[in-house]
Amino acid sequence: AIANFEVSQNYREVSDPSVIVRFRMVGRENCWLLAWTTTPWTLPSNVALCVNPELRYLRVRRRADGTEWVVGAQRWPWVCSLLKLDPAEDFDVMEEVTGAQLAGTRYLPLFDYFQGKVTSDKAWRVVADAYVTTEAGTGVVHQAPAFGEDDH
């Protein structure tokens, strides 16, 4: 058996990557759903995005280029702080909706590998579930079921 001393020889803390990813909404040329993930290697297998049906979401427009983002209202200040942007100076709030209103929204896949290989009316849609919280991320959860029951 390996002694505790031997096991601790290789102990080191590592930083896990996390990213905010833009998913372009179908029918809206310059509007993107922002999802946060700590498992970026699962992004090629993305098939859905999940929101909380009861939470509020903002559609904001960036003044510099007109790009629109959809993000959880309570997580918006955190997103701006990561991007070193000011929510009041750099953006206009265009709309506020609930997660239930976003459910069913279609978006384009990040990679076109699966296009034509899966039933697109079932994939790349926003779904809603109460497990999405405001504790971390953007309020929009990336779903890659090939990597587990709830991959986020």
N, C-alpha and C. Protein backbone atom coordinates (compact mmCIF):
# COMPACT_ATOMS: atom_id res chain seq x y z
N ALA A 1 0.84 -1.18 0.00
CA ALA A 1 0.00 0.00 0.00
C ALA A 1 0.88 1.24 0.00
N ILE A 2 0.36 2.28 -0.56
CA ILE A 2 1.10 3.54 -0.61
C ILE A 2 0.89 4.28 0.70
N ALA A 3 1.95 4.76 1.27
CA ALA A 3 1.86 5.51 2.52
C ALA A 3 1.33 6.91 2.24
N ASN A 4 0.68 7.51 3.24
CA ASN A 4 0.18 8.88 3.11
C ASN A 4 1.28 9.83 2.70
N PHE A 5 2.48 9.61 3.22
CA PHE A 5 3.61 10.48 2.88
C PHE A 5 3.87 10.44 1.37
N GLU A 6 3.84 9.23 0.80
CA GLU A 6 4.12 9.08 -0.63
C GLU A 6 3.02 9.72 -1.48
N VAL A 7 1.77 9.57 -1.07
CA VAL A 7 0.66 10.17 -1.80
C VAL A 7 0.75 11.68 -1.80
N SER A 8 1.11 12.26 -0.68
CA SER A 8 1.15 13.72 -0.57
C SER A 8 2.33 14.33 -1.32
N GLN A 9 3.27 13.55 -1.75
CA GLN A 9 4.43 14.06 -2.49
C GLN A 9 4.00 14.78 -3.78
N ASN A 10 2.96 14.26 -4.44
CA ASN A 10 2.54 14.82 -5.72
C ASN A 10 1.30 15.71 -5.60
N TYR A 11 0.91 16.07 -4.40
CA TYR A 11 -0.27 16.91 -4.22
C TYR A 11 0.02 18.32 -4.70
N ARG A 12 -0.89 18.86 -5.47
CA ARG A 12 -0.79 20.26 -5.86
C ARG A 12 -2.17 20.79 -6.20
N GLU A 13 -2.37 22.02 -5.91
CA GLU A 13 -3.64 22.65 -6.26
C GLU A 13 -3.56 23.12 -7.69
N VAL A 14 -4.63 22.89 -8.42
CA VAL A 14 -4.69 23.33 -9.81
C VAL A 14 -5.93 24.17 -10.00
N SER A 15 -5.87 25.00 -10.99
CA SER A 15 -7.00 25.86 -11.31
C SER A 15 -7.77 25.24 -12.47
N ASP A 16 -9.07 25.01 -12.27
CA ASP A 16 -9.90 24.48 -13.34
C ASP A 16 -10.35 25.63 -14.24
N PRO A 17 -10.36 25.39 -15.55
CA PRO A 17 -10.79 26.45 -16.47
C PRO A 17 -12.31 26.62 -16.42
N SER A 18 -12.73 27.83 -16.61
CA SER A 18 -14.15 28.10 -16.82
C SER A 18 -14.24 29.17 -17.89
N VAL A 19 -15.30 29.11 -18.67
CA VAL A 19 -15.46 30.05 -19.77
C VAL A 19 -16.90 30.49 -19.88
N ILE A 20 -17.08 31.68 -20.43
CA ILE A 20 -18.40 32.15 -20.83
C ILE A 20 -18.45 32.00 -22.35
N VAL A 21 -19.49 31.33 -22.83
CA VAL A 21 -19.60 31.01 -24.25
C VAL A 21 -20.85 31.67 -24.81
N ARG A 22 -20.72 32.21 -26.02
CA ARG A 22 -21.87 32.81 -26.71
C ARG A 22 -22.51 31.79 -27.64
N PHE A 23 -23.84 31.65 -27.53
CA PHE A 23 -24.61 30.79 -28.42
C PHE A 23 -25.57 31.69 -29.19
N ARG A 24 -25.42 31.74 -30.51
CA ARG A 24 -26.23 32.66 -31.32
C ARG A 24 -27.66 32.15 -31.47
N MET A 25 -28.61 33.02 -31.16
CA MET A 25 -30.03 32.69 -31.25
C MET A 25 -30.47 32.65 -32.72
N VAL A 26 -31.29 31.66 -33.05
CA VAL A 26 -31.83 31.53 -34.40
C VAL A 26 -32.81 32.69 -34.65
N GLY A 27 -32.68 33.31 -35.81
CA GLY A 27 -33.59 34.39 -36.18
C GLY A 27 -33.22 35.75 -35.63
N ARG A 28 -32.13 35.81 -34.88
CA ARG A 28 -31.65 37.09 -34.34
C ARG A 28 -30.18 37.19 -34.66
N GLU A 29 -29.86 37.91 -35.70
CA GLU A 29 -28.51 37.96 -36.27
C GLU A 29 -27.41 38.26 -35.25
N ASN A 30 -27.67 39.17 -34.35
CA ASN A 30 -26.60 39.63 -33.46
C ASN A 30 -26.99 39.46 -31.99
N CYS A 31 -27.73 38.40 -31.67
CA CYS A 31 -28.18 38.17 -30.29
C CYS A 31 -27.69 36.80 -29.83
N TRP A 32 -27.08 36.77 -28.67
CA TRP A 32 -26.40 35.58 -28.17
C TRP A 32 -26.84 35.26 -26.75
N LEU A 33 -27.05 33.99 -26.45
CA LEU A 33 -27.26 33.51 -25.09
C LEU A 33 -25.87 33.29 -24.49
N LEU A 34 -25.63 33.81 -23.29
CA LEU A 34 -24.33 33.62 -22.64
C LEU A 34 -24.44 32.49 -21.62
N ALA A 35 -23.64 31.46 -21.80
CA ALA A 35 -23.60 30.33 -20.87
C ALA A 35 -22.21 30.22 -20.27
N TRP A 36 -22.16 29.81 -19.03
CA TRP A 36 -20.89 29.63 -18.33
C TRP A 36 -20.69 28.15 -18.09
N THR A 37 -19.48 27.67 -18.29
CA THR A 37 -19.21 26.26 -18.02
C THR A 37 -17.82 26.09 -17.41
N THR A 38 -17.73 25.12 -16.54
CA THR A 38 -16.44 24.72 -15.97
C THR A 38 -15.92 23.48 -16.69
N THR A 39 -16.63 23.05 -17.72
CA THR A 39 -16.22 21.88 -18.49
C THR A 39 -16.16 22.24 -19.98
N PRO A 40 -15.26 23.12 -20.36
CA PRO A 40 -15.23 23.57 -21.76
C PRO A 40 -14.94 22.46 -22.76
N TRP A 41 -14.31 21.37 -22.32
CA TRP A 41 -14.02 20.27 -23.23
C TRP A 41 -15.30 19.55 -23.67
N THR A 42 -16.43 19.82 -23.01
CA THR A 42 -17.70 19.18 -23.39
C THR A 42 -18.48 20.01 -24.42
N LEU A 43 -18.02 21.19 -24.75
CA LEU A 43 -18.77 22.08 -25.64
C LEU A 43 -19.06 21.48 -27.02
N PRO A 44 -18.18 20.67 -27.61
CA PRO A 44 -18.55 20.08 -28.91
C PRO A 44 -19.79 19.18 -28.84
N SER A 45 -20.13 18.70 -27.65
CA SER A 45 -21.30 17.83 -27.48
C SER A 45 -22.53 18.57 -26.98
N ASN A 46 -22.50 19.88 -26.97
CA ASN A 46 -23.64 20.66 -26.49
C ASN A 46 -24.88 20.36 -27.32
N VAL A 47 -26.01 20.10 -26.63
CA VAL A 47 -27.28 19.87 -27.33
C VAL A 47 -28.41 20.74 -26.81
N ALA A 48 -28.19 21.43 -25.69
CA ALA A 48 -29.24 22.27 -25.13
C ALA A 48 -28.61 23.29 -24.17
N LEU A 49 -29.39 24.31 -23.85
CA LEU A 49 -29.05 25.26 -22.79
C LEU A 49 -30.21 25.24 -21.81
N CYS A 50 -29.91 25.36 -20.52
CA CYS A 50 -30.96 25.30 -19.52
C CYS A 50 -31.02 26.60 -18.73
N VAL A 51 -32.24 27.07 -18.49
CA VAL A 51 -32.50 28.26 -17.67
C VAL A 51 -33.46 27.86 -16.56
N ASN A 52 -33.56 28.69 -15.55
CA ASN A 52 -34.54 28.47 -14.49
C ASN A 52 -35.84 29.16 -14.90
N PRO A 53 -36.96 28.45 -14.92
CA PRO A 53 -38.21 29.06 -15.40
C PRO A 53 -38.68 30.24 -14.56
N GLU A 54 -38.28 30.28 -13.29
CA GLU A 54 -38.74 31.34 -12.38
C GLU A 54 -37.82 32.56 -12.35
N LEU A 55 -36.59 32.42 -12.81
CA LEU A 55 -35.63 33.53 -12.73
C LEU A 55 -35.87 34.55 -13.84
N ARG A 56 -35.37 35.75 -13.60
CA ARG A 56 -35.45 36.83 -14.58
C ARG A 56 -34.17 36.85 -15.42
N TYR A 57 -34.34 37.15 -16.70
CA TYR A 57 -33.22 37.22 -17.64
C TYR A 57 -33.28 38.55 -18.38
N LEU A 58 -32.11 39.10 -18.68
CA LEU A 58 -32.02 40.36 -19.40
C LEU A 58 -31.53 40.13 -20.81
N ARG A 59 -32.08 40.91 -21.73
CA ARG A 59 -31.48 41.03 -23.07
C ARG A 59 -30.89 42.43 -23.08
N VAL A 60 -29.57 42.49 -23.22
CA VAL A 60 -28.87 43.76 -23.17
C VAL A 60 -28.19 44.01 -24.51
N ARG A 61 -28.01 45.27 -24.85
CA ARG A 61 -27.31 45.65 -26.08
C ARG A 61 -26.05 46.42 -25.72
N ARG A 62 -24.94 45.94 -26.24
CA ARG A 62 -23.65 46.63 -26.01
C ARG A 62 -23.59 47.86 -26.91
N ARG A 63 -23.37 49.00 -26.30
CA ARG A 63 -23.37 50.27 -27.04
C ARG A 63 -22.25 50.34 -28.06
N ALA A 64 -21.11 49.73 -27.80
CA ALA A 64 -19.95 49.83 -28.68
C ALA A 64 -20.18 49.19 -30.05
N ASP A 65 -20.94 48.09 -30.10
CA ASP A 65 -21.08 47.39 -31.38
C ASP A 65 -22.49 46.86 -31.68
N GLY A 66 -23.44 47.09 -30.78
CA GLY A 66 -24.81 46.66 -31.02
C GLY A 66 -25.07 45.19 -30.73
N THR A 67 -24.06 44.46 -30.27
CA THR A 67 -24.24 43.05 -29.94
C THR A 67 -25.21 42.93 -28.77
N GLU A 68 -26.12 41.94 -28.86
CA GLU A 68 -27.08 41.70 -27.78
C GLU A 68 -26.76 40.37 -27.10
N TRP A 69 -26.88 40.38 -25.78
CA TRP A 69 -26.63 39.19 -24.97
C TRP A 69 -27.86 38.92 -24.10
N VAL A 70 -28.12 37.65 -23.84
CA VAL A 70 -29.16 37.24 -22.89
C VAL A 70 -28.44 36.56 -21.73
N VAL A 71 -28.74 37.04 -20.52
CA VAL A 71 -28.03 36.56 -19.33
C VAL A 71 -28.96 36.70 -18.12
N GLY A 72 -28.74 35.88 -17.10
CA GLY A 72 -29.51 35.98 -15.87
C GLY A 72 -29.36 37.36 -15.24
N ALA A 73 -30.48 37.98 -14.86
CA ALA A 73 -30.45 39.35 -14.32
C ALA A 73 -29.58 39.44 -13.06
N GLN A 74 -29.67 38.46 -12.18
CA GLN A 74 -28.89 38.52 -10.95
C GLN A 74 -27.41 38.26 -11.18
N ARG A 75 -27.05 37.65 -12.29
CA ARG A 75 -25.65 37.35 -12.59
C ARG A 75 -25.02 38.40 -13.50
N TRP A 76 -25.81 39.35 -14.00
CA TRP A 76 -25.33 40.36 -14.93
C TRP A 76 -24.16 41.17 -14.36
N PRO A 77 -24.21 41.65 -13.12
CA PRO A 77 -23.05 42.39 -12.59
C PRO A 77 -21.77 41.54 -12.57
N TRP A 78 -21.89 40.25 -12.25
CA TRP A 78 -20.73 39.37 -12.24
C TRP A 78 -20.14 39.21 -13.64
N VAL A 79 -21.00 39.02 -14.64
CA VAL A 79 -20.54 38.89 -16.02
C VAL A 79 -19.78 40.15 -16.42
N CYS A 80 -20.33 41.31 -16.13
CA CYS A 80 -19.68 42.57 -16.49
C CYS A 80 -18.34 42.71 -15.78
N SER A 81 -18.27 42.31 -14.52
CA SER A 81 -17.01 42.43 -13.79
C SER A 81 -15.93 41.54 -14.42
N LEU A 82 -16.29 40.35 -14.87
CA LEU A 82 -15.32 39.48 -15.53
C LEU A 82 -14.80 40.09 -16.82
N LEU A 83 -15.69 40.73 -17.55
CA LEU A 83 -15.33 41.30 -18.85
C LEU A 83 -14.80 42.72 -18.74
N LYS A 84 -14.71 43.20 -17.50
CA LYS A 84 -14.23 44.56 -17.23
C LYS A 84 -15.04 45.62 -18.00
N LEU A 85 -16.37 45.44 -17.92
CA LEU A 85 -17.30 46.36 -18.55
C LEU A 85 -18.25 46.90 -17.49
N ASP A 86 -18.79 48.08 -17.74
CA ASP A 86 -19.72 48.71 -16.81
C ASP A 86 -21.14 48.50 -17.31
N PRO A 87 -22.00 47.83 -16.50
CA PRO A 87 -23.35 47.55 -16.99
C PRO A 87 -24.15 48.80 -17.34
N ALA A 88 -23.93 49.89 -16.61
CA ALA A 88 -24.71 51.11 -16.86
C ALA A 88 -24.14 51.94 -18.02
N GLU A 89 -22.82 51.98 -18.13
CA GLU A 89 -22.20 52.81 -19.16
C GLU A 89 -22.04 52.10 -20.50
N ASP A 90 -21.85 50.78 -20.48
CA ASP A 90 -21.53 50.06 -21.71
C ASP A 90 -22.73 49.35 -22.35
N PHE A 91 -23.87 49.29 -21.65
CA PHE A 91 -25.01 48.51 -22.13
C PHE A 91 -26.33 49.23 -21.93
N ASP A 92 -27.31 48.87 -22.76
CA ASP A 92 -28.70 49.27 -22.57
C ASP A 92 -29.49 47.99 -22.35
N VAL A 93 -30.37 48.01 -21.36
CA VAL A 93 -31.26 46.87 -21.14
C VAL A 93 -32.42 47.01 -22.12
N MET A 94 -32.58 45.99 -22.97
CA MET A 94 -33.60 46.03 -24.01
C MET A 94 -34.90 45.35 -23.57
N GLU A 95 -34.75 44.30 -22.74
CA GLU A 95 -35.91 43.51 -22.38
C GLU A 95 -35.59 42.69 -21.13
N GLU A 96 -36.62 42.42 -20.34
CA GLU A 96 -36.50 41.51 -19.22
C GLU A 96 -37.59 40.46 -19.36
N VAL A 97 -37.18 39.16 -19.28
CA VAL A 97 -38.12 38.06 -19.44
C VAL A 97 -37.84 37.02 -18.35
N THR A 98 -38.75 36.08 -18.21
CA THR A 98 -38.51 34.96 -17.30
C THR A 98 -37.86 33.81 -18.08
N GLY A 99 -37.26 32.89 -17.35
CA GLY A 99 -36.72 31.71 -17.98
C GLY A 99 -37.79 30.92 -18.73
N ALA A 100 -39.00 30.89 -18.17
CA ALA A 100 -40.10 30.19 -18.84
C ALA A 100 -40.36 30.76 -20.23
N GLN A 101 -40.19 32.08 -20.38
CA GLN A 101 -40.38 32.70 -21.68
C GLN A 101 -39.26 32.35 -22.66
N LEU A 102 -38.08 32.05 -22.15
CA LEU A 102 -36.96 31.67 -23.01
C LEU A 102 -37.03 30.21 -23.45
N ALA A 103 -37.74 29.38 -22.68
CA ALA A 103 -37.82 27.95 -22.99
C ALA A 103 -38.35 27.76 -24.41
N GLY A 104 -37.68 26.89 -25.15
CA GLY A 104 -38.05 26.63 -26.53
C GLY A 104 -37.27 27.45 -27.54
N THR A 105 -36.59 28.49 -27.09
CA THR A 105 -35.79 29.32 -27.99
C THR A 105 -34.73 28.46 -28.67
N ARG A 106 -34.59 28.61 -29.96
CA ARG A 106 -33.58 27.86 -30.72
C ARG A 106 -32.30 28.68 -30.85
N TYR A 107 -31.19 27.98 -30.89
CA TYR A 107 -29.89 28.62 -31.10
C TYR A 107 -29.06 27.74 -32.02
N LEU A 108 -28.02 28.33 -32.59
CA LEU A 108 -27.15 27.60 -33.50
C LEU A 108 -26.09 26.83 -32.71
N PRO A 109 -25.78 25.60 -33.13
CA PRO A 109 -24.73 24.85 -32.43
C PRO A 109 -23.37 25.53 -32.62
N LEU A 110 -22.49 25.34 -31.65
CA LEU A 110 -21.15 25.92 -31.75
C LEU A 110 -20.36 25.31 -32.90
N PHE A 111 -20.56 24.04 -33.12
CA PHE A 111 -19.84 23.30 -34.16
C PHE A 111 -20.87 22.64 -35.06
N ASP A 112 -20.60 22.55 -36.34
CA ASP A 112 -21.59 22.01 -37.26
C ASP A 112 -21.50 20.50 -37.46
N TYR A 113 -20.68 19.83 -36.70
CA TYR A 113 -20.48 18.39 -36.86
C TYR A 113 -21.80 17.60 -36.79
N PHE A 114 -22.66 17.93 -35.82
CA PHE A 114 -23.89 17.17 -35.63
C PHE A 114 -25.05 17.63 -36.50
N GLN A 115 -24.91 18.76 -37.17
CA GLN A 115 -26.00 19.23 -38.02
C GLN A 115 -26.25 18.21 -39.11
N GLY A 116 -27.52 17.85 -39.29
CA GLY A 116 -27.90 16.85 -40.26
C GLY A 116 -27.78 15.42 -39.75
N LYS A 117 -27.18 15.25 -38.55
CA LYS A 117 -27.03 13.92 -37.98
C LYS A 117 -27.97 13.69 -36.80
N VAL A 118 -28.59 14.74 -36.33
CA VAL A 118 -29.56 14.63 -35.24
C VAL A 118 -30.82 15.38 -35.65
N THR A 119 -31.89 15.11 -34.96
CA THR A 119 -33.15 15.80 -35.23
C THR A 119 -33.04 17.20 -34.65
N SER A 120 -32.86 18.18 -35.52
CA SER A 120 -32.59 19.54 -35.06
C SER A 120 -33.77 20.18 -34.34
N ASP A 121 -35.00 19.65 -34.53
CA ASP A 121 -36.12 20.22 -33.78
C ASP A 121 -36.10 19.77 -32.33
N LYS A 122 -35.24 18.83 -31.99
CA LYS A 122 -35.08 18.38 -30.61
C LYS A 122 -33.81 18.93 -29.97
N ALA A 123 -32.83 19.28 -30.76
CA ALA A 123 -31.54 19.74 -30.24
C ALA A 123 -31.39 21.25 -30.41
N TRP A 124 -30.48 21.81 -29.67
CA TRP A 124 -30.11 23.23 -29.72
C TRP A 124 -31.30 24.14 -29.44
N ARG A 125 -31.92 23.83 -28.30
CA ARG A 125 -33.05 24.62 -27.78
C ARG A 125 -32.80 24.93 -26.32
N VAL A 126 -33.45 25.97 -25.85
CA VAL A 126 -33.40 26.30 -24.43
C VAL A 126 -34.46 25.46 -23.72
N VAL A 127 -34.06 24.80 -22.65
CA VAL A 127 -34.97 24.06 -21.79
C VAL A 127 -34.97 24.74 -20.42
N ALA A 128 -35.92 24.40 -19.58
CA ALA A 128 -36.02 25.07 -18.27
C ALA A 128 -36.10 24.04 -17.15
N ASP A 129 -35.37 24.31 -16.07
CA ASP A 129 -35.40 23.45 -14.89
C ASP A 129 -34.97 24.27 -13.67
N ALA A 130 -35.56 23.95 -12.54
CA ALA A 130 -35.31 24.71 -11.31
C ALA A 130 -33.91 24.48 -10.73
N TYR A 131 -33.15 23.50 -11.23
CA TYR A 131 -31.80 23.30 -10.66
C TYR A 131 -30.84 24.43 -11.03
N VAL A 132 -31.16 25.23 -12.06
CA VAL A 132 -30.31 26.37 -12.42
C VAL A 132 -30.49 27.43 -11.33
N THR A 133 -29.37 27.88 -10.77
CA THR A 133 -29.43 28.84 -9.66
C THR A 133 -28.70 30.14 -10.02
N THR A 134 -28.72 31.06 -9.08
CA THR A 134 -28.01 32.33 -9.25
C THR A 134 -26.70 32.34 -8.46
N GLU A 135 -26.28 31.20 -7.96
CA GLU A 135 -25.07 31.14 -7.13
C GLU A 135 -23.78 31.31 -7.92
N ALA A 136 -23.77 30.89 -9.18
CA ALA A 136 -22.56 30.98 -10.00
C ALA A 136 -22.98 31.03 -11.47
N GLY A 137 -22.07 31.45 -12.30
CA GLY A 137 -22.31 31.43 -13.73
C GLY A 137 -23.17 32.56 -14.24
N THR A 138 -23.85 32.31 -15.35
CA THR A 138 -24.63 33.34 -16.04
C THR A 138 -26.13 33.14 -15.90
N GLY A 139 -26.54 32.04 -15.25
CA GLY A 139 -27.96 31.71 -15.18
C GLY A 139 -28.41 30.90 -16.38
N VAL A 140 -27.48 30.62 -17.29
CA VAL A 140 -27.73 29.78 -18.46
C VAL A 140 -26.71 28.65 -18.40
N VAL A 141 -27.19 27.40 -18.37
CA VAL A 141 -26.31 26.25 -18.18
C VAL A 141 -26.18 25.47 -19.49
N HIS A 142 -24.96 25.21 -19.88
CA HIS A 142 -24.63 24.39 -21.06
C HIS A 142 -24.92 22.93 -20.75
N GLN A 143 -25.60 22.25 -21.66
CA GLN A 143 -25.97 20.85 -21.48
C GLN A 143 -25.24 19.96 -22.49
N ALA A 144 -24.51 18.98 -21.99
CA ALA A 144 -23.85 17.98 -22.83
C ALA A 144 -24.10 16.63 -22.19
N PRO A 145 -25.27 16.04 -22.42
CA PRO A 145 -25.66 14.82 -21.70
C PRO A 145 -24.71 13.64 -21.91
N ALA A 146 -23.91 13.65 -22.95
CA ALA A 146 -22.95 12.56 -23.15
C ALA A 146 -21.95 12.50 -22.02
N PHE A 147 -21.82 13.58 -21.26
CA PHE A 147 -20.83 13.66 -20.18
C PHE A 147 -21.46 13.56 -18.80
N GLY A 148 -22.73 13.21 -18.71
CA GLY A 148 -23.38 13.04 -17.42
C GLY A 148 -24.80 13.53 -17.43
N GLU A 149 -25.52 13.13 -16.41
CA GLU A 149 -26.95 13.48 -16.31
C GLU A 149 -27.16 14.98 -16.32
N ASP A 150 -26.44 15.70 -15.47
CA ASP A 150 -26.50 17.17 -15.45
C ASP A 150 -25.09 17.67 -15.65
N ASP A 151 -24.76 18.01 -16.84
CA ASP A 151 -23.42 18.53 -17.13
C ASP A 151 -23.51 20.04 -17.20
N HIS A 152 -22.83 20.70 -16.29
CA HIS A 152 -22.84 22.16 -16.27
C HIS A 152 -21.62 22.70 -15.57
